[in-house]
Amino acid sequence: MTTPGTDIDGTTVSLDKEDRELLRLLQADATLPLGRLAEKIGLSKTAVWNRIQKLQTAGVILRQVVIVDPEKIGLPETFFVAIRTNHHTADWLKELKAIIEEMPAITEAHRMAGQIDYLLRVQVNSTRAFDAFYQDLVSRIDLFDVASHLSMEVLKRESALPV
């Protein structure tokens, strides 16, 4: 059965059962050799390679990365920063995006619907480091309201999407 997805240009991409299984396997371990992937899916190595190329070209596979444990590299503190603004211009958003790109502690940034305009996930080594981050952020751009929330415990962290 083929089901639609959307590529980076907003056009529909058809994903069949084998594509979905390939995506599940790669999300779990992108280092699996082509032969092993082919064996698990029941296709030839060439067919699997062609599918991976098709999924990359269509923008379904954005990139392959290594997931690092933040605690083991000295960044155990996760803060969520909720931002409200009075500025809703393209220029202001462009400025915010540039600031987000310049600040490596920001690991995710979302434009939101509802009472919060933007939500940032920030990874730092301490509350003192977060305070320095916060002071830097609010000095760079005009914000109406900022609320910070410290994550006390990660209940689930998953990068794989349910395909």
C-alpha atoms as a PDB file:
ATOM      1  CA  MET A   1       0.000   0.000   0.000  1.00  0.00           C
ATOM      2  CA  THR A   2       1.333   3.434  -0.914  1.00  0.00           C
ATOM      3  CA  THR A   3       0.635   6.438   1.289  1.00  0.00           C
ATOM      4  CA  PRO A   4       1.392  10.070   0.529  1.00  0.00           C
ATOM      5  CA  GLY A   5       4.001  12.218   2.235  1.00  0.00           C
ATOM      6  CA  THR A   6       5.181  15.706   1.336  1.00  0.00           C
ATOM      7  CA  ASP A   7       8.562  16.690  -0.064  1.00  0.00           C
ATOM      8  CA  ILE A   8      10.468  19.895   0.662  1.00  0.00           C
ATOM      9  CA  ASP A   9       8.619  21.766  -2.094  1.00  0.00           C
ATOM     10  CA  GLY A  10       5.228  20.773  -0.667  1.00  0.00           C
ATOM     11  CA  THR A  11       4.528  18.202  -3.378  1.00  0.00           C
ATOM     12  CA  THR A  12       3.313  14.724  -2.551  1.00  0.00           C
ATOM     13  CA  VAL A  13       5.761  11.834  -2.201  1.00  0.00           C
ATOM     14  CA  SER A  14       4.412   8.301  -2.340  1.00  0.00           C
ATOM     15  CA  LEU A  15       5.774   5.965   0.325  1.00  0.00           C
ATOM     16  CA  ASP A  16       5.115   2.256   0.012  1.00  0.00           C
ATOM     17  CA  LYS A  17       5.503  -0.421   2.689  1.00  0.00           C
ATOM     18  CA  GLU A  18       9.185  -0.961   1.884  1.00  0.00           C
ATOM     19  CA  ASP A  19       9.937   2.794   2.014  1.00  0.00           C
ATOM     20  CA  ARG A  20       8.305   3.025   5.425  1.00  0.00           C
ATOM     21  CA  GLU A  21      10.213  -0.001   6.735  1.00  0.00           C
ATOM     22  CA  LEU A  22      13.444   1.435   5.360  1.00  0.00           C
ATOM     23  CA  LEU A  23      12.739   4.740   7.147  1.00  0.00           C
ATOM     24  CA  ARG A  24      11.978   2.909  10.414  1.00  0.00           C
ATOM     25  CA  LEU A  25      15.244   0.973  10.184  1.00  0.00           C
ATOM     26  CA  LEU A  26      17.354   4.014   9.275  1.00  0.00           C
ATOM     27  CA  GLN A  27      15.837   6.110  12.061  1.00  0.00           C
ATOM     28  CA  ALA A  28      16.791   3.405  14.549  1.00  0.00           C
ATOM     29  CA  ASP A  29      20.331   2.942  13.164  1.00  0.00           C
ATOM     30  CA  ALA A  30      21.534   4.843  10.102  1.00  0.00           C
ATOM     31  CA  THR A  31      24.822   2.906  10.194  1.00  0.00           C
ATOM     32  CA  LEU A  32      23.233  -0.373   9.096  1.00  0.00           C
ATOM     33  CA  PRO A  33      25.008  -1.620   5.954  1.00  0.00           C
ATOM     34  CA  LEU A  34      23.025  -1.812   2.711  1.00  0.00           C
ATOM     35  CA  GLY A  35      23.208  -5.616   2.782  1.00  0.00           C
ATOM     36  CA  ARG A  36      21.626  -5.784   6.231  1.00  0.00           C
ATOM     37  CA  LEU A  37      18.910  -3.275   5.268  1.00  0.00           C
ATOM     38  CA  ALA A  38      18.191  -5.237   2.086  1.00  0.00           C
ATOM     39  CA  GLU A  39      17.963  -8.487   4.048  1.00  0.00           C
ATOM     40  CA  LYS A  40      15.543  -7.001   6.600  1.00  0.00           C
ATOM     41  CA  ILE A  41      13.291  -5.454   3.941  1.00  0.00           C
ATOM     42  CA  GLY A  42      13.503  -8.300   1.432  1.00  0.00           C
ATOM     43  CA  LEU A  43      14.978  -6.273  -1.443  1.00  0.00           C
ATOM     44  CA  SER A  44      18.319  -6.197  -3.244  1.00  0.00           C
ATOM     45  CA  LYS A  45      21.104  -3.862  -2.099  1.00  0.00           C
ATOM     46  CA  THR A  46      20.719  -1.891  -5.335  1.00  0.00           C
ATOM     47  CA  ALA A  47      16.978  -1.459  -4.757  1.00  0.00           C
ATOM     48  CA  VAL A  48      17.598  -0.255  -1.189  1.00  0.00           C
ATOM     49  CA  TRP A  49      20.319   2.162  -2.353  1.00  0.00           C
ATOM     50  CA  ASN A  50      17.965   3.520  -5.044  1.00  0.00           C
ATOM     51  CA  ARG A  51      15.196   3.996  -2.474  1.00  0.00           C
ATOM     52  CA  ILE A  52      17.530   5.863  -0.123  1.00  0.00           C
ATOM     53  CA  GLN A  53      18.611   8.129  -2.992  1.00  0.00           C
ATOM     54  CA  LYS A  54      14.960   8.742  -3.937  1.00  0.00           C
ATOM     55  CA  LEU A  55      14.048   9.575  -0.326  1.00  0.00           C
ATOM     56  CA  GLN A  56      16.999  11.976  -0.029  1.00  0.00           C
ATOM     57  CA  THR A  57      16.238  13.693  -3.343  1.00  0.00           C
ATOM     58  CA  ALA A  58      12.566  14.088  -2.364  1.00  0.00           C
ATOM     59  CA  GLY A  59      13.575  15.659   0.955  1.00  0.00           C
ATOM     60  CA  VAL A  60      12.085  12.844   3.047  1.00  0.00           C
ATOM     61  CA  ILE A  61      15.517  12.028   4.477  1.00  0.00           C
ATOM     62  CA  LEU A  62      16.928  15.401   5.476  1.00  0.00           C
ATOM     63  CA  ARG A  63      20.269  14.247   6.877  1.00  0.00           C
ATOM     64  CA  GLN A  64      21.923  11.468   8.862  1.00  0.00           C
ATOM     65  CA  VAL A  65      23.247  12.420  12.295  1.00  0.00           C
ATOM     66  CA  VAL A  66      24.633  11.031  15.530  1.00  0.00           C
ATOM     67  CA  ILE A  67      22.508  11.522  18.647  1.00  0.00           C
ATOM     68  CA  VAL A  68      24.641  12.558  21.614  1.00  0.00           C
ATOM     69  CA  ASP A  69      23.731  12.162  25.295  1.00  0.00           C
ATOM     70  CA  PRO A  70      23.770  15.763  26.628  1.00  0.00           C
ATOM     71  CA  GLU A  71      24.671  14.685  30.177  1.00  0.00           C
ATOM     72  CA  LYS A  72      27.734  12.753  29.022  1.00  0.00           C
ATOM     73  CA  ILE A  73      29.121  15.824  27.251  1.00  0.00           C
ATOM     74  CA  GLY A  74      28.480  18.171  30.165  1.00  0.00           C
ATOM     75  CA  LEU A  75      25.184  19.766  29.071  1.00  0.00           C
ATOM     76  CA  PRO A  76      22.698  18.224  31.528  1.00  0.00           C
ATOM     77  CA  GLU A  77      20.303  21.173  31.908  1.00  0.00           C
ATOM     78  CA  THR A  78      17.410  21.645  29.494  1.00  0.00           C
ATOM     79  CA  PHE A  79      15.401  24.850  29.606  1.00  0.00           C
ATOM     80  CA  PHE A  80      12.363  25.773  27.579  1.00  0.00           C
ATOM     81  CA  VAL A  81      11.998  29.459  26.826  1.00  0.00           C
ATOM     82  CA  ALA A  82       8.541  30.742  25.895  1.00  0.00           C
ATOM     83  CA  ILE A  83       8.620  34.063  24.057  1.00  0.00           C
ATOM     84  CA  ARG A  84       5.826  36.516  23.381  1.00  0.00           C
ATOM     85  CA  THR A  85       6.415  39.522  21.153  1.00  0.00           C
ATOM     86  CA  ASN A  86       4.618  42.648  19.980  1.00  0.00           C
ATOM     87  CA  HIS A  87       6.535  42.481  16.707  1.00  0.00           C
ATOM     88  CA  HIS A  88       5.107  40.356  13.932  1.00  0.00           C
ATOM     89  CA  THR A  89       6.980  41.771  10.955  1.00  0.00           C
ATOM     90  CA  ALA A  90       9.110  39.867   8.487  1.00  0.00           C
ATOM     91  CA  ASP A  91      12.146  41.949   9.476  1.00  0.00           C
ATOM     92  CA  TRP A  92      11.744  41.146  13.185  1.00  0.00           C
ATOM     93  CA  LEU A  93      11.374  37.434  12.434  1.00  0.00           C
ATOM     94  CA  LYS A  94      14.460  37.550  10.208  1.00  0.00           C
ATOM     95  CA  GLU A  95      16.388  39.137  13.096  1.00  0.00           C
ATOM     96  CA  LEU A  96      15.142  36.482  15.540  1.00  0.00           C
ATOM     97  CA  LYS A  97      16.103  33.672  13.158  1.00  0.00           C
ATOM     98  CA  ALA A  98      19.621  35.114  12.832  1.00  0.00           C
ATOM     99  CA  ILE A  99      19.964  35.273  16.628  1.00  0.00           C
ATOM    100  CA  ILE A 100      18.730  31.686  16.967  1.00  0.00           C
ATOM    101  CA  GLU A 101      21.339  30.522  14.442  1.00  0.00           C
ATOM    102  CA  GLU A 102      24.109  32.404  16.304  1.00  0.00           C
ATOM    103  CA  MET A 103      23.313  30.849  19.703  1.00  0.00           C
ATOM    104  CA  PRO A 104      24.432  27.195  19.781  1.00  0.00           C
ATOM    105  CA  ALA A 105      22.710  26.524  23.128  1.00  0.00           C
ATOM    106  CA  ILE A 106      19.371  26.772  21.278  1.00  0.00           C
ATOM    107  CA  THR A 107      18.813  23.227  20.035  1.00  0.00           C
ATOM    108  CA  GLU A 108      15.234  23.712  18.829  1.00  0.00           C
ATOM    109  CA  ALA A 109      13.111  26.723  17.992  1.00  0.00           C
ATOM    110  CA  HIS A 110       9.427  26.724  17.069  1.00  0.00           C
ATOM    111  CA  ARG A 111       6.977  29.410  15.966  1.00  0.00           C
ATOM    112  CA  MET A 112       3.812  28.609  17.868  1.00  0.00           C
ATOM    113  CA  ALA A 113       0.066  29.030  17.565  1.00  0.00           C
ATOM    114  CA  GLY A 114      -1.723  30.248  20.676  1.00  0.00           C
ATOM    115  CA  GLN A 115      -0.605  32.477  23.532  1.00  0.00           C
ATOM    116  CA  ILE A 116       3.121  31.810  23.064  1.00  0.00           C
ATOM    117  CA  ASP A 117       4.722  33.115  19.875  1.00  0.00           C
ATOM    118  CA  TYR A 118       8.007  31.155  19.981  1.00  0.00           C
ATOM    119  CA  LEU A 119       9.320  28.245  22.014  1.00  0.00           C
ATOM    120  CA  LEU A 120      13.035  27.541  22.347  1.00  0.00           C
ATOM    121  CA  ARG A 121      14.763  24.481  23.739  1.00  0.00           C
ATOM    122  CA  VAL A 122      18.077  25.416  25.320  1.00  0.00           C
ATOM    123  CA  GLN A 123      20.792  22.968  26.425  1.00  0.00           C
ATOM    124  CA  VAL A 124      23.389  24.259  28.929  1.00  0.00           C
ATOM    125  CA  ASN A 125      25.709  22.966  31.635  1.00  0.00           C
ATOM    126  CA  SER A 126      24.185  24.847  34.602  1.00  0.00           C
ATOM    127  CA  THR A 127      21.554  27.318  35.743  1.00  0.00           C
ATOM    128  CA  ARG A 128      24.318  29.934  35.886  1.00  0.00           C
ATOM    129  CA  ALA A 129      25.081  29.243  32.210  1.00  0.00           C
ATOM    130  CA  PHE A 130      21.383  29.538  31.443  1.00  0.00           C
ATOM    131  CA  ASP A 131      21.251  32.921  33.179  1.00  0.00           C
ATOM    132  CA  ALA A 132      24.116  34.130  30.980  1.00  0.00           C
ATOM    133  CA  PHE A 133      22.298  32.758  27.919  1.00  0.00           C
ATOM    134  CA  TYR A 134      19.071  34.491  28.995  1.00  0.00           C
ATOM    135  CA  GLN A 135      20.789  37.838  29.568  1.00  0.00           C
ATOM    136  CA  ASP A 136      22.433  37.588  26.149  1.00  0.00           C
ATOM    137  CA  LEU A 137      19.173  36.702  24.414  1.00  0.00           C
ATOM    138  CA  VAL A 138      17.100  39.525  25.906  1.00  0.00           C
ATOM    139  CA  SER A 139      19.858  42.049  25.162  1.00  0.00           C
ATOM    140  CA  ARG A 140      19.821  41.176  21.456  1.00  0.00           C
ATOM    141  CA  ILE A 141      16.155  41.648  20.531  1.00  0.00           C
ATOM    142  CA  ASP A 142      13.028  43.406  21.786  1.00  0.00           C
ATOM    143  CA  LEU A 143      10.671  40.899  23.438  1.00  0.00           C
ATOM    144  CA  PHE A 144       7.314  41.524  25.113  1.00  0.00           C
ATOM    145  CA  ASP A 145       7.499  38.619  27.582  1.00  0.00           C
ATOM    146  CA  VAL A 146       9.860  35.732  28.257  1.00  0.00           C
ATOM    147  CA  ALA A 147       9.170  32.763  30.525  1.00  0.00           C
ATOM    148  CA  SER A 148      11.780  30.098  31.268  1.00  0.00           C
ATOM    149  CA  HIS A 149      11.109  26.560  32.422  1.00  0.00           C
ATOM    150  CA  LEU A 150      13.717  24.068  33.674  1.00  0.00           C
ATOM    151  CA  SER A 151      13.150  20.450  32.701  1.00  0.00           C
ATOM    152  CA  MET A 152      13.461  18.388  35.875  1.00  0.00           C
ATOM    153  CA  GLU A 153      13.440  14.998  34.138  1.00  0.00           C
ATOM    154  CA  VAL A 154      13.289  13.730  30.574  1.00  0.00           C
ATOM    155  CA  LEU A 155      10.420  11.256  30.359  1.00  0.00           C
ATOM    156  CA  LYS A 156      10.863  10.584  26.653  1.00  0.00           C
ATOM    157  CA  ARG A 157      13.390  11.714  24.064  1.00  0.00           C
ATOM    158  CA  GLU A 158      12.866  10.267  20.633  1.00  0.00           C
ATOM    159  CA  SER A 159      14.146  11.441  17.293  1.00  0.00           C
ATOM    160  CA  ALA A 160      12.401   8.781  15.203  1.00  0.00           C
ATOM    161  CA  LEU A 161       9.084   9.687  13.626  1.00  0.00           C
ATOM    162  CA  PRO A 162       6.268   7.111  13.536  1.00  0.00           C
ATOM    163  CA  VAL A 163       6.292   6.064   9.864  1.00  0.00           C
END
